[in-house]
């Protein structure tokens, strides 16, 4: 959880910069819905789920663009962070696990970049464990 007792720059700039990754990407998904759906179908094919590509694309846009905007505008920040963590985790597992062949190095780089994004998002996400819940109620 981010320290709420710091200046506006150190509190808001990291959140806004992190959210830009998702807002711009989510807007791109929306503006190229057909192309995004084809790309999502490609990622779902190994699991035999290419038939739900349109639904998965809609869910991806809601998570990525919706969560990104929520985080950017500091609205339900923890919920937004968890939405983006779910999206990033699923995208990582679907598209960045093939480390062999010509694209192996790029896939590995994207995999670890996404882990870094998840780490950044965890700074804004409330933990659900019992001790953290108790600490939040005491504050």
Protein backbone atom coordinates (compact mmCIF):
# COMPACT_ATOMS: atom_id res chain seq x y z
CA UNK A 1 0.00 0.00 0.00
CA UNK A 2 1.28 3.42 -0.90
CA UNK A 3 2.28 5.81 1.89
CA UNK A 4 -0.54 8.37 2.11
CA UNK A 5 1.60 10.83 4.11
CA UNK A 6 3.79 11.96 1.23
CA UNK A 7 3.75 14.89 -1.18
CA UNK A 8 1.40 15.03 -4.15
CA UNK A 9 4.17 14.36 -6.66
CA UNK A 10 5.39 11.14 -5.06
CA UNK A 11 1.83 10.02 -4.40
CA UNK A 12 0.14 10.83 -7.71
CA UNK A 13 2.80 10.76 -10.43
CA UNK A 14 3.69 7.05 -10.06
CA UNK A 15 0.00 6.10 -10.13
CA UNK A 16 -0.70 8.21 -13.22
CA UNK A 17 2.39 7.01 -15.09
CA UNK A 18 1.59 3.37 -14.33
CA UNK A 19 -2.02 3.82 -15.42
CA UNK A 20 -0.97 5.32 -18.77
CA UNK A 21 0.39 1.93 -19.87
CA UNK A 22 -3.10 0.47 -19.49
CA UNK A 23 -5.19 3.45 -20.65
CA UNK A 24 -3.28 3.86 -23.92
CA UNK A 25 -3.21 0.11 -24.53
CA UNK A 26 -6.89 -0.30 -23.66
CA UNK A 27 -7.85 2.56 -25.99
CA UNK A 28 -5.86 0.83 -28.72
CA UNK A 29 -7.79 -2.39 -28.07
CA UNK A 30 -11.05 -0.47 -28.38
CA UNK A 31 -10.09 1.41 -31.55
CA UNK A 32 -8.93 -1.79 -33.26
CA UNK A 33 -11.52 -4.18 -31.86
CA UNK A 34 -11.46 -6.60 -34.81
CA UNK A 35 -7.66 -6.85 -34.85
CA UNK A 36 -7.53 -7.24 -31.09
CA UNK A 37 -10.15 -10.00 -31.23
CA UNK A 38 -8.06 -11.91 -33.81
CA UNK A 39 -4.98 -11.53 -31.62
CA UNK A 40 -6.87 -12.71 -28.53
CA UNK A 41 -8.21 -15.70 -30.49
CA UNK A 42 -4.62 -16.63 -31.30
CA UNK A 43 -3.77 -16.62 -27.58
CA UNK A 44 -6.86 -18.67 -26.69
CA UNK A 45 -6.38 -21.29 -29.41
CA UNK A 46 -3.93 -23.51 -27.46
CA UNK A 47 -6.65 -24.00 -24.83
CA UNK A 48 -9.39 -24.59 -27.41
CA UNK A 49 -11.11 -21.34 -26.41
CA UNK A 50 -10.81 -19.33 -29.63
CA UNK A 51 -14.62 -19.28 -29.84
CA UNK A 52 -14.87 -16.90 -26.90
CA UNK A 53 -12.37 -14.40 -28.33
CA UNK A 54 -14.97 -11.62 -28.70
CA UNK A 55 -16.12 -12.00 -25.09
CA UNK A 56 -12.52 -12.21 -23.89
CA UNK A 57 -11.68 -9.03 -25.82
CA UNK A 58 -14.57 -7.18 -24.19
CA UNK A 59 -13.43 -8.36 -20.76
CA UNK A 60 -9.85 -7.34 -21.57
CA UNK A 61 -10.99 -3.83 -22.57
CA UNK A 62 -13.05 -3.48 -19.39
CA UNK A 63 -10.12 -4.62 -17.23
CA UNK A 64 -7.40 -2.72 -19.07
CA UNK A 65 -9.11 0.54 -20.03
CA UNK A 66 -11.57 0.62 -17.13
CA UNK A 67 -8.98 -0.33 -14.52
CA UNK A 68 -6.45 2.05 -16.04
CA UNK A 69 -8.86 4.99 -15.91
CA UNK A 70 -9.91 4.10 -12.36
CA UNK A 71 -6.27 4.03 -11.27
CA UNK A 72 -5.46 7.23 -13.17
CA UNK A 73 -8.28 9.17 -11.53
CA UNK A 74 -7.68 7.63 -8.09
CA UNK A 75 -11.12 6.01 -8.00
CA UNK A 76 -11.30 2.76 -6.02
CA UNK A 77 -7.58 2.43 -6.47
CA UNK A 78 -7.22 -0.99 -4.88
CA UNK A 79 -10.01 -2.45 -7.02
CA UNK A 80 -8.43 -0.86 -10.11
CA UNK A 81 -5.04 -2.32 -9.23
CA UNK A 82 -6.52 -5.80 -8.80
CA UNK A 83 -8.34 -5.50 -12.16
CA UNK A 84 -5.05 -4.62 -13.84
CA UNK A 85 -3.16 -7.37 -12.00
CA UNK A 86 -5.67 -9.95 -13.25
CA UNK A 87 -5.43 -8.62 -16.80
CA UNK A 88 -1.62 -8.52 -16.76
CA UNK A 89 -1.32 -11.99 -15.25
CA UNK A 90 -3.68 -13.51 -17.83
CA UNK A 91 -1.98 -11.70 -20.73
CA UNK A 92 1.41 -12.85 -19.48
CA UNK A 93 0.31 -16.49 -19.26
CA UNK A 94 -1.42 -16.40 -22.65
CA UNK A 95 1.15 -14.54 -24.73
CA UNK A 96 4.57 -14.49 -23.07
CA UNK A 97 5.39 -18.05 -22.04
CA UNK A 98 7.10 -19.23 -25.25
CA UNK A 99 10.76 -18.51 -24.59
CA UNK A 100 12.14 -20.75 -27.34
CA UNK A 101 12.82 -19.95 -30.97
CA UNK A 102 13.46 -16.63 -32.63
CA UNK A 103 11.08 -14.66 -30.42
CA UNK A 104 12.21 -16.30 -27.18
CA UNK A 105 14.28 -13.40 -25.87
CA UNK A 106 11.49 -10.88 -26.61
CA UNK A 107 8.90 -13.08 -24.90
CA UNK A 108 11.13 -13.45 -21.84
CA UNK A 109 11.63 -9.67 -21.73
CA UNK A 110 7.86 -9.09 -21.95
CA UNK A 111 7.26 -11.73 -19.27
CA UNK A 112 9.60 -9.99 -16.81
CA UNK A 113 8.31 -6.52 -17.79
CA UNK A 114 4.81 -7.70 -16.91
CA UNK A 115 6.04 -9.04 -13.57
CA UNK A 116 7.45 -5.56 -12.90
CA UNK A 117 4.09 -3.99 -13.79
CA UNK A 118 2.35 -6.39 -11.41
CA UNK A 119 4.86 -5.42 -8.71
CA UNK A 120 4.07 -1.74 -9.25
CA UNK A 121 0.34 -2.41 -9.16
CA UNK A 122 0.69 -4.31 -5.88
CA UNK A 123 1.77 -1.02 -4.28
CA UNK A 124 -1.78 0.23 -4.88
CA UNK A 125 -3.66 -3.01 -4.13
CA UNK A 126 -5.00 -3.78 -0.68
CA UNK A 127 -3.91 -7.16 0.63
CA UNK A 128 -6.69 -9.52 1.70
CA UNK A 129 -4.81 -11.33 4.46
CA UNK A 130 -6.10 -11.15 8.02
CA UNK A 131 -3.16 -9.15 9.39
CA UNK A 132 -3.36 -6.50 6.67
CA UNK A 133 -7.12 -6.14 7.16
CA UNK A 134 -6.53 -5.61 10.88
CA UNK A 135 -3.83 -3.00 10.17
CA UNK A 136 -6.19 -1.09 7.85
CA UNK A 137 -8.95 -1.00 10.45
CA UNK A 138 -6.53 0.23 13.13
CA UNK A 139 -5.29 3.12 10.98
